[in-house]
Amino acid sequence: MSLNIVNNADGTTSINGRDTFDLKEVIKAAGGRWAAASQTWVVPAGRDLQMLKDAAAALPARRKAERAAARAQLKAERAYAATSEGQTAAKAKAKELVQQCLASSQYSWICCESCEVRDWARQITYCWDCGHDNGLWRDCTRVRGSIYTGD
């Protein structure tokens, strides 16, 4: 746990450290305000910080529980994606996304509704229909709109 609590000479308390972002709502509830000049939270004098100390002590357990929940959710999503129903839903979602892209004019590298986007970042698509219609190889892909045949 990385949380530094320092009592100042004027009676205020300064709080800084790595864990303050996760505890900022608790610090605000204790009356704390962010002091950008010193990069610390400053809590007025006379405030009880026990709630903050308890939240800081519970932080590792909370993070562990959040990671476990995220892993369980990812496992459930992967199990669903492996089923035929999940694959059908993924194809429908991809087709809907391609239709939305065709409706907007900024995705000129997507050729038609049967186009399958293989890589969004590099703008690589696969379209068997367009490759067949153009008399090209069936294994043709498009990179930023230009047709490439073969692998």
N, C-alpha and C. Protein backbone atom coordinates (compact mmCIF):
# COMPACT_ATOMS: atom_id res chain seq x y z
N MET A 1 0.86 -1.17 0.00
CA MET A 1 0.00 0.00 0.00
C MET A 1 0.90 1.23 0.00
N SER A 2 0.59 2.14 -0.89
CA SER A 2 1.39 3.36 -1.00
C SER A 2 0.51 4.57 -0.69
N LEU A 3 0.45 4.91 0.58
CA LEU A 3 -0.33 6.06 1.02
C LEU A 3 0.44 6.72 2.15
N ASN A 4 0.80 7.98 1.95
CA ASN A 4 1.55 8.73 2.95
C ASN A 4 0.65 9.77 3.60
N ILE A 5 0.47 9.68 4.90
CA ILE A 5 -0.34 10.63 5.64
C ILE A 5 0.58 11.42 6.56
N VAL A 6 0.64 12.74 6.35
CA VAL A 6 1.55 13.60 7.11
C VAL A 6 0.74 14.70 7.78
N ASN A 7 0.93 14.85 9.09
CA ASN A 7 0.29 15.94 9.83
C ASN A 7 1.14 17.20 9.68
N ASN A 8 0.54 18.27 9.21
CA ASN A 8 1.24 19.53 9.00
C ASN A 8 1.24 20.38 10.27
N ALA A 9 2.10 21.39 10.31
CA ALA A 9 2.21 22.27 11.48
C ALA A 9 0.95 23.09 11.71
N ASP A 10 0.22 23.40 10.63
CA ASP A 10 -0.99 24.22 10.78
C ASP A 10 -2.22 23.39 11.16
N GLY A 11 -2.06 22.10 11.41
CA GLY A 11 -3.17 21.24 11.84
C GLY A 11 -3.81 20.46 10.70
N THR A 12 -3.52 20.83 9.47
CA THR A 12 -4.06 20.09 8.34
C THR A 12 -3.28 18.80 8.14
N THR A 13 -3.83 17.95 7.34
CA THR A 13 -3.18 16.68 7.04
C THR A 13 -2.96 16.59 5.54
N SER A 14 -1.75 16.24 5.14
CA SER A 14 -1.43 16.05 3.73
C SER A 14 -1.40 14.56 3.42
N ILE A 15 -2.01 14.20 2.30
CA ILE A 15 -2.07 12.80 1.89
C ILE A 15 -1.58 12.72 0.45
N ASN A 16 -0.60 11.84 0.22
CA ASN A 16 -0.14 11.61 -1.15
C ASN A 16 0.27 10.15 -1.28
N GLY A 17 0.58 9.77 -2.48
CA GLY A 17 0.99 8.39 -2.73
C GLY A 17 0.26 7.81 -3.93
N ARG A 18 0.64 6.61 -4.25
CA ARG A 18 0.13 5.91 -5.43
C ARG A 18 -1.35 5.56 -5.33
N ASP A 19 -1.83 5.26 -4.14
CA ASP A 19 -3.20 4.79 -3.96
C ASP A 19 -4.23 5.89 -3.78
N THR A 20 -3.83 7.13 -3.83
CA THR A 20 -4.79 8.21 -3.58
C THR A 20 -5.84 8.30 -4.67
N PHE A 21 -5.52 7.90 -5.90
CA PHE A 21 -6.52 7.97 -6.97
C PHE A 21 -7.69 7.03 -6.66
N ASP A 22 -7.39 5.83 -6.19
CA ASP A 22 -8.45 4.88 -5.86
C ASP A 22 -9.24 5.29 -4.62
N LEU A 23 -8.65 6.13 -3.80
CA LEU A 23 -9.29 6.55 -2.55
C LEU A 23 -9.79 7.99 -2.60
N LYS A 24 -9.82 8.59 -3.78
CA LYS A 24 -10.13 10.03 -3.83
C LYS A 24 -11.54 10.35 -3.35
N GLU A 25 -12.50 9.46 -3.57
CA GLU A 25 -13.86 9.73 -3.08
C GLU A 25 -13.91 9.69 -1.56
N VAL A 26 -13.16 8.81 -0.95
CA VAL A 26 -13.09 8.73 0.50
C VAL A 26 -12.40 9.97 1.06
N ILE A 27 -11.35 10.41 0.38
CA ILE A 27 -10.63 11.62 0.82
C ILE A 27 -11.52 12.84 0.69
N LYS A 28 -12.29 12.92 -0.40
CA LYS A 28 -13.23 14.04 -0.56
C LYS A 28 -14.29 14.01 0.52
N ALA A 29 -14.77 12.81 0.88
CA ALA A 29 -15.78 12.69 1.93
C ALA A 29 -15.23 13.16 3.27
N ALA A 30 -13.92 13.03 3.47
CA ALA A 30 -13.29 13.50 4.71
C ALA A 30 -13.01 15.00 4.65
N GLY A 31 -13.39 15.65 3.55
CA GLY A 31 -13.18 17.09 3.42
C GLY A 31 -11.91 17.45 2.70
N GLY A 32 -11.26 16.50 2.11
CA GLY A 32 -9.99 16.75 1.44
C GLY A 32 -10.15 17.48 0.12
N ARG A 33 -9.17 18.29 -0.20
CA ARG A 33 -9.12 19.04 -1.46
C ARG A 33 -7.76 18.82 -2.09
N TRP A 34 -7.72 18.76 -3.40
CA TRP A 34 -6.47 18.54 -4.12
C TRP A 34 -5.69 19.83 -4.19
N ALA A 35 -4.43 19.80 -3.78
CA ALA A 35 -3.53 20.94 -3.87
C ALA A 35 -2.55 20.64 -5.01
N ALA A 36 -2.80 21.24 -6.16
CA ALA A 36 -2.00 20.93 -7.35
C ALA A 36 -0.55 21.37 -7.19
N ALA A 37 -0.32 22.46 -6.48
CA ALA A 37 1.05 22.98 -6.33
C ALA A 37 1.95 21.97 -5.62
N SER A 38 1.43 21.33 -4.59
CA SER A 38 2.24 20.37 -3.83
C SER A 38 1.95 18.92 -4.22
N GLN A 39 1.00 18.70 -5.14
CA GLN A 39 0.63 17.36 -5.60
C GLN A 39 0.20 16.46 -4.44
N THR A 40 -0.59 17.03 -3.53
CA THR A 40 -1.09 16.27 -2.38
C THR A 40 -2.55 16.61 -2.15
N TRP A 41 -3.21 15.75 -1.40
CA TRP A 41 -4.54 16.04 -0.89
C TRP A 41 -4.36 16.70 0.47
N VAL A 42 -5.11 17.74 0.73
CA VAL A 42 -5.03 18.43 2.02
C VAL A 42 -6.39 18.31 2.71
N VAL A 43 -6.37 17.73 3.91
CA VAL A 43 -7.58 17.54 4.70
C VAL A 43 -7.55 18.56 5.83
N PRO A 44 -8.64 19.31 6.03
CA PRO A 44 -8.66 20.32 7.10
C PRO A 44 -8.43 19.71 8.49
N ALA A 45 -8.05 20.58 9.41
CA ALA A 45 -7.76 20.14 10.79
C ALA A 45 -9.02 19.63 11.46
N GLY A 46 -8.85 18.69 12.35
CA GLY A 46 -9.97 18.18 13.15
C GLY A 46 -10.81 17.12 12.46
N ARG A 47 -10.41 16.64 11.32
CA ARG A 47 -11.19 15.61 10.63
C ARG A 47 -10.71 14.23 11.05
N ASP A 48 -11.66 13.32 11.20
CA ASP A 48 -11.33 11.95 11.56
C ASP A 48 -10.92 11.20 10.30
N LEU A 49 -9.74 10.65 10.29
CA LEU A 49 -9.21 9.95 9.13
C LEU A 49 -9.30 8.43 9.26
N GLN A 50 -10.05 7.96 10.25
CA GLN A 50 -10.15 6.51 10.45
C GLN A 50 -10.83 5.84 9.25
N MET A 51 -11.85 6.50 8.70
CA MET A 51 -12.54 5.95 7.54
C MET A 51 -11.56 5.80 6.37
N LEU A 52 -10.68 6.77 6.20
CA LEU A 52 -9.68 6.71 5.14
C LEU A 52 -8.69 5.58 5.39
N LYS A 53 -8.25 5.43 6.62
CA LYS A 53 -7.31 4.37 6.95
C LYS A 53 -7.93 2.99 6.75
N ASP A 54 -9.21 2.85 7.10
CA ASP A 54 -9.91 1.58 6.89
C ASP A 54 -10.05 1.27 5.39
N ALA A 55 -10.38 2.29 4.61
CA ALA A 55 -10.52 2.10 3.16
C ALA A 55 -9.18 1.74 2.54
N ALA A 56 -8.11 2.36 3.02
CA ALA A 56 -6.77 2.06 2.50
C ALA A 56 -6.36 0.63 2.86
N ALA A 57 -6.74 0.18 4.04
CA ALA A 57 -6.41 -1.18 4.45
C ALA A 57 -7.20 -2.21 3.64
N ALA A 58 -8.42 -1.87 3.24
CA ALA A 58 -9.27 -2.78 2.48
C ALA A 58 -8.98 -2.74 0.98
N LEU A 59 -8.16 -1.80 0.54
CA LEU A 59 -7.89 -1.62 -0.88
C LEU A 59 -7.28 -2.85 -1.56
N PRO A 60 -6.27 -3.51 -0.99
CA PRO A 60 -5.73 -4.71 -1.66
C PRO A 60 -6.77 -5.81 -1.86
N ALA A 61 -7.61 -6.03 -0.86
CA ALA A 61 -8.65 -7.06 -0.98
C ALA A 61 -9.67 -6.67 -2.05
N ARG A 62 -10.02 -5.38 -2.12
CA ARG A 62 -10.96 -4.91 -3.13
C ARG A 62 -10.38 -5.08 -4.54
N ARG A 63 -9.10 -4.75 -4.70
CA ARG A 63 -8.47 -4.91 -6.01
C ARG A 63 -8.42 -6.38 -6.41
N LYS A 64 -8.13 -7.25 -5.46
CA LYS A 64 -8.08 -8.68 -5.73
C LYS A 64 -9.45 -9.19 -6.16
N ALA A 65 -10.50 -8.75 -5.48
CA ALA A 65 -11.85 -9.16 -5.83
C ALA A 65 -12.25 -8.63 -7.22
N GLU A 66 -11.85 -7.40 -7.53
CA GLU A 66 -12.15 -6.83 -8.85
C GLU A 66 -11.44 -7.61 -9.96
N ARG A 67 -10.18 -8.00 -9.72
CA ARG A 67 -9.45 -8.79 -10.72
C ARG A 67 -10.09 -10.15 -10.90
N ALA A 68 -10.52 -10.78 -9.81
CA ALA A 68 -11.18 -12.08 -9.90
C ALA A 68 -12.50 -11.99 -10.66
N ALA A 69 -13.25 -10.93 -10.41
CA ALA A 69 -14.51 -10.73 -11.13
C ALA A 69 -14.26 -10.49 -12.62
N ALA A 70 -13.22 -9.72 -12.94
CA ALA A 70 -12.90 -9.46 -14.34
C ALA A 70 -12.47 -10.74 -15.05
N ARG A 71 -11.68 -11.58 -14.36
CA ARG A 71 -11.27 -12.86 -14.94
C ARG A 71 -12.47 -13.77 -15.17
N ALA A 72 -13.38 -13.80 -14.22
CA ALA A 72 -14.58 -14.64 -14.36
C ALA A 72 -15.46 -14.15 -15.52
N GLN A 73 -15.58 -12.84 -15.65
CA GLN A 73 -16.37 -12.28 -16.75
C GLN A 73 -15.73 -12.60 -18.10
N LEU A 74 -14.41 -12.46 -18.19
CA LEU A 74 -13.70 -12.77 -19.43
C LEU A 74 -13.84 -14.24 -19.78
N LYS A 75 -13.76 -15.11 -18.78
CA LYS A 75 -13.93 -16.54 -19.01
C LYS A 75 -15.33 -16.84 -19.53
N ALA A 76 -16.34 -16.20 -18.96
CA ALA A 76 -17.71 -16.40 -19.41
C ALA A 76 -17.91 -15.88 -20.84
N GLU A 77 -17.29 -14.72 -21.16
CA GLU A 77 -17.40 -14.17 -22.51
C GLU A 77 -16.73 -15.09 -23.53
N ARG A 78 -15.58 -15.65 -23.17
CA ARG A 78 -14.88 -16.57 -24.08
C ARG A 78 -15.67 -17.85 -24.27
N ALA A 79 -16.28 -18.35 -23.20
CA ALA A 79 -17.10 -19.56 -23.32
C ALA A 79 -18.30 -19.31 -24.22
N TYR A 80 -18.93 -18.14 -24.08
CA TYR A 80 -20.06 -17.79 -24.94
C TYR A 80 -19.61 -17.61 -26.39
N ALA A 81 -18.45 -17.00 -26.59
CA ALA A 81 -17.95 -16.79 -27.96
C ALA A 81 -17.62 -18.10 -28.64
N ALA A 82 -17.33 -19.15 -27.89
CA ALA A 82 -17.01 -20.45 -28.46
C ALA A 82 -18.25 -21.21 -28.90
N THR A 83 -19.42 -20.82 -28.40
CA THR A 83 -20.65 -21.50 -28.78
C THR A 83 -21.11 -21.02 -30.15
N SER A 84 -21.97 -21.80 -30.78
CA SER A 84 -22.49 -21.40 -32.09
C SER A 84 -23.35 -20.15 -31.97
N GLU A 85 -24.07 -20.03 -30.87
CA GLU A 85 -24.89 -18.83 -30.65
C GLU A 85 -24.01 -17.58 -30.53
N GLY A 86 -22.88 -17.71 -29.81
CA GLY A 86 -21.96 -16.59 -29.65
C GLY A 86 -21.30 -16.20 -30.96
N GLN A 87 -20.94 -17.18 -31.77
CA GLN A 87 -20.34 -16.90 -33.07
C GLN A 87 -21.33 -16.22 -34.00
N THR A 88 -22.59 -16.65 -33.96
CA THR A 88 -23.63 -16.01 -34.76
C THR A 88 -23.84 -14.57 -34.33
N ALA A 89 -23.85 -14.34 -33.01
CA ALA A 89 -24.02 -12.98 -32.50
C ALA A 89 -22.84 -12.10 -32.88
N ALA A 90 -21.62 -12.65 -32.85
CA ALA A 90 -20.44 -11.87 -33.22
C ALA A 90 -20.48 -11.50 -34.70
N LYS A 91 -20.91 -12.43 -35.55
CA LYS A 91 -21.01 -12.13 -36.98
C LYS A 91 -22.07 -11.08 -37.24
N ALA A 92 -23.20 -11.16 -36.52
CA ALA A 92 -24.26 -10.16 -36.69
C ALA A 92 -23.78 -8.79 -36.24
N LYS A 93 -23.05 -8.75 -35.14
CA LYS A 93 -22.52 -7.48 -34.64
C LYS A 93 -21.51 -6.88 -35.62
N ALA A 94 -20.64 -7.74 -36.18
CA ALA A 94 -19.65 -7.27 -37.16
C ALA A 94 -20.34 -6.74 -38.41
N LYS A 95 -21.39 -7.43 -38.86
CA LYS A 95 -22.12 -6.98 -40.05
C LYS A 95 -22.81 -5.64 -39.78
N GLU A 96 -23.39 -5.50 -38.60
CA GLU A 96 -24.03 -4.23 -38.23
C GLU A 96 -23.02 -3.09 -38.20
N LEU A 97 -21.83 -3.36 -37.68
CA LEU A 97 -20.78 -2.35 -37.63
C LEU A 97 -20.33 -1.95 -39.02
N VAL A 98 -20.21 -2.92 -39.93
CA VAL A 98 -19.83 -2.62 -41.32
C VAL A 98 -20.91 -1.77 -41.98
N GLN A 99 -22.18 -2.07 -41.72
CA GLN A 99 -23.27 -1.27 -42.28
C GLN A 99 -23.23 0.16 -41.76
N GLN A 100 -22.92 0.33 -40.48
CA GLN A 100 -22.80 1.67 -39.93
C GLN A 100 -21.64 2.42 -40.58
N CYS A 101 -20.54 1.71 -40.83
CA CYS A 101 -19.37 2.34 -41.47
C CYS A 101 -19.68 2.74 -42.91
N LEU A 102 -20.45 1.91 -43.61
CA LEU A 102 -20.83 2.25 -44.98
C LEU A 102 -21.75 3.46 -45.01
N ALA A 103 -22.59 3.61 -43.98
CA ALA A 103 -23.49 4.76 -43.91
C ALA A 103 -22.72 6.06 -43.72
N SER A 104 -21.61 6.00 -42.98
CA SER A 104 -20.78 7.19 -42.84
C SER A 104 -19.73 7.17 -43.95
N SER A 105 -19.34 8.30 -44.42
CA SER A 105 -18.45 8.36 -45.58
C SER A 105 -16.96 8.30 -45.22
N GLN A 106 -16.61 8.17 -43.96
CA GLN A 106 -15.20 8.22 -43.58
C GLN A 106 -14.50 6.86 -43.67
N TYR A 107 -15.24 5.79 -43.96
CA TYR A 107 -14.65 4.46 -44.08
C TYR A 107 -14.68 4.01 -45.54
N SER A 108 -14.00 4.72 -46.39
CA SER A 108 -14.02 4.42 -47.82
C SER A 108 -13.30 3.11 -48.14
N TRP A 109 -12.51 2.59 -47.24
CA TRP A 109 -11.78 1.36 -47.47
C TRP A 109 -12.63 0.12 -47.27
N ILE A 110 -13.86 0.27 -46.79
CA ILE A 110 -14.81 -0.85 -46.68
C ILE A 110 -15.65 -0.82 -47.95
N CYS A 111 -15.63 -1.93 -48.72
CA CYS A 111 -16.21 -1.90 -50.06
C CYS A 111 -17.71 -2.16 -50.10
N CYS A 112 -18.23 -3.13 -49.37
CA CYS A 112 -19.65 -3.45 -49.45
C CYS A 112 -20.12 -4.10 -48.15
N GLU A 113 -21.40 -4.49 -48.09
CA GLU A 113 -21.96 -5.07 -46.87
C GLU A 113 -21.39 -6.44 -46.54
N SER A 114 -20.93 -7.18 -47.55
CA SER A 114 -20.38 -8.50 -47.28
C SER A 114 -18.89 -8.44 -46.94
N CYS A 115 -18.35 -7.25 -46.84
CA CYS A 115 -16.94 -7.04 -46.52
C CYS A 115 -16.71 -7.43 -45.05
N GLU A 116 -15.62 -8.14 -44.81
CA GLU A 116 -15.26 -8.56 -43.46
C GLU A 116 -13.98 -7.84 -43.05
N VAL A 117 -14.04 -7.07 -41.98
CA VAL A 117 -12.88 -6.32 -41.53
C VAL A 117 -11.98 -7.25 -40.73
N ARG A 118 -10.76 -7.44 -41.19
CA ARG A 118 -9.80 -8.32 -40.51
C ARG A 118 -8.95 -7.54 -39.51
N ASP A 119 -8.62 -6.29 -39.84
CA ASP A 119 -7.78 -5.48 -38.96
C ASP A 119 -8.21 -4.02 -39.09
N TRP A 120 -8.83 -3.48 -38.04
CA TRP A 120 -9.33 -2.11 -38.09
C TRP A 120 -8.19 -1.11 -38.13
N ALA A 121 -7.12 -1.36 -37.39
CA ALA A 121 -6.02 -0.40 -37.30
C ALA A 121 -5.30 -0.26 -38.64
N ARG A 122 -5.04 -1.40 -39.30
CA ARG A 122 -4.32 -1.35 -40.57
C ARG A 122 -5.24 -1.29 -41.78
N GLN A 123 -6.55 -1.25 -41.55
CA GLN A 123 -7.58 -1.13 -42.59
C GLN A 123 -7.50 -2.29 -43.58
N ILE A 124 -7.46 -3.51 -43.07
CA ILE A 124 -7.40 -4.69 -43.92
C ILE A 124 -8.78 -5.36 -43.90
N THR A 125 -9.33 -5.57 -45.09
CA THR A 125 -10.63 -6.21 -45.22
C THR A 125 -10.52 -7.44 -46.12
N TYR A 126 -11.50 -8.30 -46.00
CA TYR A 126 -11.60 -9.47 -46.86
C TYR A 126 -13.01 -9.49 -47.42
N CYS A 127 -13.13 -9.63 -48.73
CA CYS A 127 -14.44 -9.66 -49.36
C CYS A 127 -14.41 -10.67 -50.50
N TRP A 128 -14.97 -11.84 -50.26
CA TRP A 128 -14.98 -12.89 -51.27
C TRP A 128 -15.84 -12.46 -52.45
N ASP A 129 -16.96 -11.79 -52.17
CA ASP A 129 -17.86 -11.38 -53.26
C ASP A 129 -17.17 -10.43 -54.23
N CYS A 130 -16.51 -9.42 -53.72
CA CYS A 130 -15.85 -8.45 -54.60
C CYS A 130 -14.67 -9.08 -55.34
N GLY A 131 -13.93 -9.96 -54.69
CA GLY A 131 -12.83 -10.64 -55.36
C GLY A 131 -13.33 -11.54 -56.47
N HIS A 132 -14.44 -12.21 -56.24
CA HIS A 132 -15.03 -13.09 -57.24
C HIS A 132 -15.61 -12.26 -58.40
N ASP A 133 -16.28 -11.17 -58.07
CA ASP A 133 -16.89 -10.32 -59.11
C ASP A 133 -15.83 -9.69 -60.01
N ASN A 134 -14.69 -9.36 -59.44
CA ASN A 134 -13.63 -8.72 -60.23
C ASN A 134 -12.79 -9.74 -60.99
N GLY A 135 -13.09 -11.03 -60.85
CA GLY A 135 -12.34 -12.06 -61.54
C GLY A 135 -10.96 -12.29 -60.93
N LEU A 136 -10.77 -11.87 -59.70
CA LEU A 136 -9.48 -12.03 -59.04
C LEU A 136 -9.48 -13.30 -58.20
N TRP A 137 -8.39 -13.54 -57.52
CA TRP A 137 -8.29 -14.69 -56.64
C TRP A 137 -9.35 -14.61 -55.54
N ARG A 138 -9.80 -15.75 -55.12
CA ARG A 138 -10.77 -15.77 -54.03
C ARG A 138 -10.13 -15.36 -52.70
N ASP A 139 -8.83 -15.51 -52.61
CA ASP A 139 -8.12 -15.15 -51.37
C ASP A 139 -7.63 -13.71 -51.40
N CYS A 140 -8.36 -12.83 -52.03
CA CYS A 140 -7.88 -11.45 -52.10
C CYS A 140 -8.31 -10.67 -50.86
N THR A 141 -7.46 -9.77 -50.45
CA THR A 141 -7.77 -8.85 -49.35
C THR A 141 -7.60 -7.44 -49.85
N ARG A 142 -8.14 -6.50 -49.11
CA ARG A 142 -7.98 -5.10 -49.42
C ARG A 142 -7.25 -4.44 -48.27
N VAL A 143 -6.23 -3.67 -48.61
CA VAL A 143 -5.51 -2.90 -47.62
C VAL A 143 -5.71 -1.43 -47.99
N ARG A 144 -6.42 -0.72 -47.14
CA ARG A 144 -6.79 0.68 -47.38
C ARG A 144 -7.43 0.85 -48.74
N GLY A 145 -8.25 -0.15 -49.15
CA GLY A 145 -9.01 -0.05 -50.38
C GLY A 145 -8.34 -0.69 -51.59
N SER A 146 -7.05 -0.94 -51.57
CA SER A 146 -6.35 -1.54 -52.70
C SER A 146 -6.40 -3.07 -52.58
N ILE A 147 -6.67 -3.75 -53.70
CA ILE A 147 -6.81 -5.20 -53.68
C ILE A 147 -5.45 -5.87 -53.77
N TYR A 148 -5.23 -6.86 -52.88
CA TYR A 148 -4.03 -7.69 -52.88
C TYR A 148 -4.49 -9.14 -52.98
N THR A 149 -3.89 -9.90 -53.87
CA THR A 149 -4.27 -11.30 -54.03
C THR A 149 -3.28 -12.20 -53.33
N GLY A 150 -3.71 -13.41 -53.04
CA GLY A 150 -2.83 -14.37 -52.38
C GLY A 150 -2.89 -14.20 -50.87
N ASP A 151 -1.90 -14.74 -50.19
CA ASP A 151 -1.88 -14.70 -48.72
C ASP A 151 -1.46 -13.37 -48.20
